N, C-alpha and C. Protein backbone atom coordinates (compact mmCIF):
# COMPACT_ATOMS: atom_id res chain seq x y z
N UNK A 1 57.78 194.71 98.96
CA UNK A 1 58.47 195.93 99.35
C UNK A 1 59.93 195.93 98.85
N UNK A 2 60.61 194.78 99.03
CA UNK A 2 62.00 194.70 98.60
C UNK A 2 62.11 194.86 97.08
N UNK A 3 61.17 194.26 96.34
CA UNK A 3 61.21 194.36 94.89
C UNK A 3 61.00 195.80 94.46
N UNK A 4 60.07 196.50 95.10
CA UNK A 4 59.81 197.90 94.77
C UNK A 4 61.05 198.75 95.04
N UNK A 5 61.70 198.53 96.16
CA UNK A 5 62.89 199.28 96.51
C UNK A 5 64.01 199.02 95.50
N UNK A 6 64.20 197.75 95.11
CA UNK A 6 65.22 197.42 94.12
C UNK A 6 64.90 198.10 92.78
N UNK A 7 63.63 198.10 92.38
CA UNK A 7 63.23 198.74 91.14
C UNK A 7 63.53 200.24 91.18
N UNK A 8 63.18 200.89 92.28
CA UNK A 8 63.41 202.33 92.42
C UNK A 8 64.90 202.64 92.39
N UNK A 9 65.71 201.85 93.10
CA UNK A 9 67.16 202.07 93.10
C UNK A 9 67.75 201.87 91.71
N UNK A 10 67.30 200.83 91.00
CA UNK A 10 67.81 200.59 89.65
C UNK A 10 67.41 201.73 88.72
N UNK A 11 66.18 202.20 88.83
CA UNK A 11 65.71 203.31 88.00
C UNK A 11 66.52 204.57 88.27
N UNK A 12 66.82 204.84 89.53
CA UNK A 12 67.60 206.02 89.89
C UNK A 12 69.01 205.91 89.32
N UNK A 13 69.62 204.74 89.39
CA UNK A 13 70.98 204.55 88.88
C UNK A 13 71.02 204.76 87.37
N UNK A 14 70.06 204.20 86.65
CA UNK A 14 70.02 204.37 85.20
C UNK A 14 69.77 205.83 84.85
N UNK A 15 68.89 206.49 85.56
CA UNK A 15 68.60 207.90 85.32
C UNK A 15 69.81 208.77 85.53
N UNK A 16 70.60 208.49 86.55
CA UNK A 16 71.80 209.29 86.80
C UNK A 16 72.83 209.08 85.71
N UNK A 17 72.94 207.85 85.20
CA UNK A 17 73.89 207.61 84.11
C UNK A 17 73.49 208.40 82.88
N UNK A 18 72.19 208.53 82.62
CA UNK A 18 71.72 209.25 81.45
C UNK A 18 71.97 210.74 81.55
N UNK A 19 72.14 211.28 82.75
CA UNK A 19 72.32 212.71 82.92
C UNK A 19 73.75 213.18 82.70
N UNK A 20 74.71 212.30 82.83
CA UNK A 20 76.09 212.73 82.68
C UNK A 20 76.47 212.80 81.21
N UNK A 21 77.45 213.60 80.92
CA UNK A 21 77.91 213.75 79.54
C UNK A 21 78.53 212.43 79.06
N UNK A 22 78.24 212.08 77.83
CA UNK A 22 78.75 210.85 77.25
C UNK A 22 80.20 211.06 76.80
N UNK A 23 81.08 210.16 77.19
CA UNK A 23 82.46 210.22 76.72
C UNK A 23 82.49 209.82 75.24
N UNK A 24 83.37 210.44 74.45
CA UNK A 24 83.48 210.04 73.04
C UNK A 24 83.86 208.57 72.93
N UNK A 25 83.33 207.91 71.92
CA UNK A 25 83.58 206.48 71.73
C UNK A 25 84.12 206.25 70.33
N UNK A 26 85.09 205.36 70.21
CA UNK A 26 85.62 205.03 68.88
C UNK A 26 84.53 204.29 68.10
N UNK A 27 84.25 204.75 66.89
CA UNK A 27 83.14 204.23 66.10
C UNK A 27 83.25 202.73 65.89
N UNK A 28 84.46 202.23 65.64
CA UNK A 28 84.60 200.80 65.36
C UNK A 28 84.41 199.92 66.60
N UNK A 29 84.23 200.52 67.77
CA UNK A 29 83.92 199.74 68.97
C UNK A 29 82.41 199.52 69.12
N UNK A 30 81.61 200.24 68.34
CA UNK A 30 80.17 200.07 68.37
C UNK A 30 79.76 198.94 67.42
N UNK A 31 78.60 198.37 67.66
CA UNK A 31 78.06 197.33 66.80
C UNK A 31 77.14 198.01 65.79
N UNK A 32 77.37 197.78 64.50
CA UNK A 32 76.51 198.37 63.48
C UNK A 32 75.48 197.34 63.04
N UNK A 33 74.21 197.74 63.13
CA UNK A 33 73.11 196.88 62.68
C UNK A 33 72.25 197.73 61.75
N UNK A 34 72.40 197.50 60.44
CA UNK A 34 71.73 198.34 59.46
C UNK A 34 72.31 199.74 59.54
N UNK A 35 71.44 200.75 59.74
CA UNK A 35 71.92 202.13 59.85
C UNK A 35 72.03 202.59 61.30
N UNK A 36 71.97 201.65 62.24
CA UNK A 36 72.08 201.98 63.67
C UNK A 36 73.42 201.54 64.23
N UNK A 37 73.92 202.33 65.18
CA UNK A 37 75.13 201.98 65.92
C UNK A 37 74.73 201.69 67.36
N UNK A 38 75.12 200.52 67.86
CA UNK A 38 74.68 200.04 69.16
C UNK A 38 75.85 199.87 70.12
N UNK A 39 75.55 200.05 71.41
CA UNK A 39 76.53 199.82 72.46
C UNK A 39 76.73 198.30 72.56
N UNK A 40 77.97 197.81 72.47
CA UNK A 40 78.20 196.36 72.43
C UNK A 40 77.66 195.60 73.65
N UNK A 41 77.80 196.18 74.83
CA UNK A 41 77.40 195.47 76.05
C UNK A 41 75.87 195.34 76.19
N UNK A 42 75.14 196.31 75.68
CA UNK A 42 73.69 196.32 75.88
C UNK A 42 72.89 196.16 74.60
N UNK A 43 73.54 196.36 73.45
CA UNK A 43 72.89 196.39 72.14
C UNK A 43 71.78 197.43 72.07
N UNK A 44 71.95 198.50 72.87
CA UNK A 44 71.05 199.65 72.82
C UNK A 44 71.66 200.71 71.91
N UNK A 45 70.83 201.51 71.22
CA UNK A 45 71.36 202.57 70.36
C UNK A 45 72.24 203.54 71.16
N UNK A 46 73.38 203.89 70.58
CA UNK A 46 74.36 204.77 71.22
C UNK A 46 74.00 206.23 70.96
N UNK A 47 74.16 207.06 71.98
CA UNK A 47 74.01 208.51 71.86
C UNK A 47 75.27 209.15 72.41
N UNK A 48 75.90 210.00 71.58
CA UNK A 48 77.09 210.71 72.03
C UNK A 48 78.08 210.90 70.91
N UNK A 49 79.21 211.52 71.22
CA UNK A 49 80.23 211.76 70.20
C UNK A 49 80.98 210.48 69.84
N UNK A 50 81.37 210.39 68.56
CA UNK A 50 82.16 209.25 68.07
C UNK A 50 83.35 209.78 67.28
N UNK A 51 84.37 208.95 67.17
CA UNK A 51 85.56 209.33 66.41
C UNK A 51 86.21 208.10 65.83
N UNK A 52 87.07 208.32 64.84
CA UNK A 52 87.95 207.29 64.30
C UNK A 52 89.33 207.91 64.25
N UNK A 53 90.32 207.21 64.77
CA UNK A 53 91.71 207.67 64.70
C UNK A 53 92.40 206.93 63.56
N UNK A 54 93.04 207.67 62.66
CA UNK A 54 93.78 207.05 61.55
C UNK A 54 95.14 206.55 62.03
N UNK A 55 95.73 207.29 62.94
CA UNK A 55 96.95 206.88 63.63
C UNK A 55 96.91 207.63 64.96
N UNK A 56 97.87 207.43 65.84
CA UNK A 56 97.78 208.07 67.16
C UNK A 56 97.65 209.58 67.16
N UNK A 57 98.03 210.24 66.06
CA UNK A 57 97.97 211.70 66.06
C UNK A 57 97.02 212.28 65.00
N UNK A 58 96.25 211.43 64.29
CA UNK A 58 95.39 211.94 63.22
C UNK A 58 93.96 211.41 63.35
N UNK A 59 93.04 212.35 63.52
CA UNK A 59 91.62 212.00 63.58
C UNK A 59 91.12 211.78 62.16
N UNK A 60 90.36 210.69 61.95
CA UNK A 60 89.77 210.43 60.65
C UNK A 60 88.31 210.81 60.57
N UNK A 61 87.64 210.79 61.73
CA UNK A 61 86.22 211.12 61.78
C UNK A 61 85.91 211.68 63.15
N UNK A 62 85.09 212.72 63.16
CA UNK A 62 84.56 213.28 64.41
C UNK A 62 83.10 213.59 64.13
N UNK A 63 82.20 212.95 64.88
CA UNK A 63 80.77 213.12 64.61
C UNK A 63 79.98 212.81 65.88
N UNK A 64 78.65 212.88 65.74
CA UNK A 64 77.76 212.62 66.86
C UNK A 64 76.63 211.70 66.42
N UNK A 65 76.26 210.81 67.31
CA UNK A 65 75.12 209.93 67.09
C UNK A 65 74.05 210.22 68.13
N UNK A 66 72.79 210.07 67.75
CA UNK A 66 71.69 210.14 68.71
C UNK A 66 70.76 208.97 68.41
N UNK A 67 70.49 208.21 69.45
CA UNK A 67 69.67 207.00 69.30
C UNK A 67 70.20 206.10 68.19
N UNK A 68 71.53 206.02 68.09
CA UNK A 68 72.18 205.12 67.14
C UNK A 68 72.32 205.65 65.72
N UNK A 69 71.77 206.85 65.43
CA UNK A 69 71.84 207.41 64.08
C UNK A 69 72.69 208.67 64.07
N UNK A 70 73.29 208.97 62.89
CA UNK A 70 74.04 210.21 62.74
C UNK A 70 73.11 211.36 63.07
N UNK A 71 73.60 212.26 63.93
CA UNK A 71 72.78 213.40 64.33
C UNK A 71 73.71 214.47 64.89
N UNK A 72 73.76 215.62 64.21
CA UNK A 72 74.64 216.69 64.67
C UNK A 72 75.82 216.87 63.74
N UNK A 73 76.86 217.54 64.22
CA UNK A 73 78.02 217.82 63.37
C UNK A 73 78.74 216.55 62.93
N UNK A 74 79.30 216.61 61.72
CA UNK A 74 79.99 215.48 61.12
C UNK A 74 81.19 216.01 60.36
N UNK A 75 82.37 215.47 60.66
CA UNK A 75 83.61 215.86 59.96
C UNK A 75 84.39 214.60 59.61
N UNK A 76 84.71 214.45 58.33
CA UNK A 76 85.49 213.31 57.85
C UNK A 76 86.78 213.84 57.24
N UNK A 77 87.90 213.20 57.60
CA UNK A 77 89.22 213.64 57.15
C UNK A 77 89.87 212.57 56.28
N UNK A 78 90.71 213.02 55.33
CA UNK A 78 91.42 212.13 54.41
C UNK A 78 92.33 211.18 55.19
N UNK A 79 92.35 209.92 54.76
CA UNK A 79 93.15 208.90 55.44
C UNK A 79 94.63 209.24 55.53
N UNK A 80 95.21 209.76 54.45
CA UNK A 80 96.65 209.97 54.40
C UNK A 80 97.07 211.39 54.74
N UNK A 81 96.33 212.39 54.23
CA UNK A 81 96.76 213.77 54.42
C UNK A 81 96.18 214.42 55.67
N UNK A 82 95.07 213.88 56.14
CA UNK A 82 94.40 214.48 57.29
C UNK A 82 93.59 215.71 56.95
N UNK A 83 93.49 216.04 55.65
CA UNK A 83 92.71 217.21 55.24
C UNK A 83 91.21 216.90 55.30
N UNK A 84 90.43 217.93 55.56
CA UNK A 84 88.98 217.80 55.65
C UNK A 84 88.41 217.37 54.30
N UNK A 85 87.63 216.29 54.30
CA UNK A 85 87.02 215.76 53.08
C UNK A 85 85.54 216.11 53.04
N UNK A 86 84.88 216.00 54.19
CA UNK A 86 83.44 216.21 54.24
C UNK A 86 83.08 216.81 55.59
N UNK A 87 82.18 217.81 55.55
CA UNK A 87 81.76 218.46 56.79
C UNK A 87 80.32 218.94 56.62
N UNK A 88 79.51 218.66 57.63
CA UNK A 88 78.12 219.10 57.59
C UNK A 88 77.37 218.66 58.82
N UNK A 89 76.05 218.62 58.68
CA UNK A 89 75.15 218.27 59.79
C UNK A 89 74.25 217.12 59.37
N UNK A 90 73.93 216.28 60.34
CA UNK A 90 72.93 215.24 60.18
C UNK A 90 71.78 215.50 61.13
N UNK A 91 70.58 215.11 60.75
CA UNK A 91 69.42 215.09 61.64
C UNK A 91 68.75 213.74 61.44
N UNK A 92 68.70 212.97 62.52
CA UNK A 92 68.07 211.63 62.49
C UNK A 92 68.54 210.79 61.31
N UNK A 93 69.83 210.80 61.06
CA UNK A 93 70.42 209.95 60.03
C UNK A 93 70.41 210.52 58.62
N UNK A 94 69.88 211.73 58.45
CA UNK A 94 69.79 212.35 57.12
C UNK A 94 70.68 213.58 57.05
N UNK A 95 71.43 213.72 55.95
CA UNK A 95 72.22 214.93 55.74
C UNK A 95 71.28 216.12 55.55
N UNK A 96 71.69 217.26 56.10
CA UNK A 96 70.86 218.45 55.97
C UNK A 96 71.73 219.70 55.94
N UNK A 97 71.16 220.79 55.39
CA UNK A 97 71.88 222.06 55.34
C UNK A 97 73.01 222.05 54.34
N UNK A 98 73.95 222.98 54.51
CA UNK A 98 75.10 223.11 53.62
C UNK A 98 76.21 222.15 54.06
N UNK A 99 76.77 221.44 53.09
CA UNK A 99 77.86 220.51 53.33
C UNK A 99 79.05 220.87 52.45
N UNK A 100 80.23 220.58 52.96
CA UNK A 100 81.44 220.61 52.16
C UNK A 100 81.76 219.16 51.85
N UNK A 101 81.78 218.81 50.56
CA UNK A 101 82.08 217.43 50.16
C UNK A 101 83.16 217.46 49.09
N UNK A 102 84.37 217.04 49.47
CA UNK A 102 85.53 217.00 48.58
C UNK A 102 85.73 218.33 47.85
N UNK A 103 85.68 219.43 48.62
CA UNK A 103 85.96 220.75 48.10
C UNK A 103 84.77 221.46 47.48
N UNK A 104 83.66 220.78 47.34
CA UNK A 104 82.46 221.37 46.74
C UNK A 104 81.41 221.61 47.82
N UNK A 105 80.65 222.71 47.65
CA UNK A 105 79.53 222.97 48.55
C UNK A 105 78.30 222.29 47.98
N UNK A 106 77.65 221.50 48.81
CA UNK A 106 76.45 220.76 48.42
C UNK A 106 75.33 221.14 49.37
N UNK A 107 74.14 221.38 48.83
CA UNK A 107 73.00 221.75 49.67
C UNK A 107 72.02 220.61 49.79
N UNK A 108 71.60 220.37 51.02
CA UNK A 108 70.57 219.39 51.34
C UNK A 108 69.40 220.15 51.95
N UNK A 109 68.25 219.51 52.13
CA UNK A 109 67.15 220.21 52.80
C UNK A 109 67.62 220.80 54.12
N UNK A 110 67.04 221.94 54.52
CA UNK A 110 67.45 222.58 55.78
C UNK A 110 67.32 221.63 56.97
N UNK A 111 68.19 221.82 57.93
CA UNK A 111 68.14 221.01 59.15
C UNK A 111 66.98 221.45 60.03
N UNK A 112 66.20 220.48 60.46
CA UNK A 112 65.13 220.76 61.42
C UNK A 112 65.78 220.99 62.78
N UNK A 113 65.19 221.80 63.60
CA UNK A 113 65.74 222.04 64.93
C UNK A 113 65.50 220.82 65.81
N UNK A 114 66.44 220.61 66.74
CA UNK A 114 66.28 219.50 67.68
C UNK A 114 67.13 218.41 67.40
């Protein structure tokens, strides 16, 4: 009985953590294993927004990961000028749709929904 109760309580706690919005995480704080980004404490794939700060006032990267892979909007900024270098969408780690890459528009296969 005690083991069942502990299991149910643990399951409820983990479920509640999964329901709240994920705080953005600095990309270099994640562990990279191949093409996956993992939470350092658990080594589980990270889901949520990520960023890189070039200095205290300049964002270098703003993107989203799902299950440890690039998924969703992606924006990369120049290290020195802060100007947009690359912007587009990822789905399950693959570039898709229209991208801006160093001033040029590049087309990838359409993004699947989801």
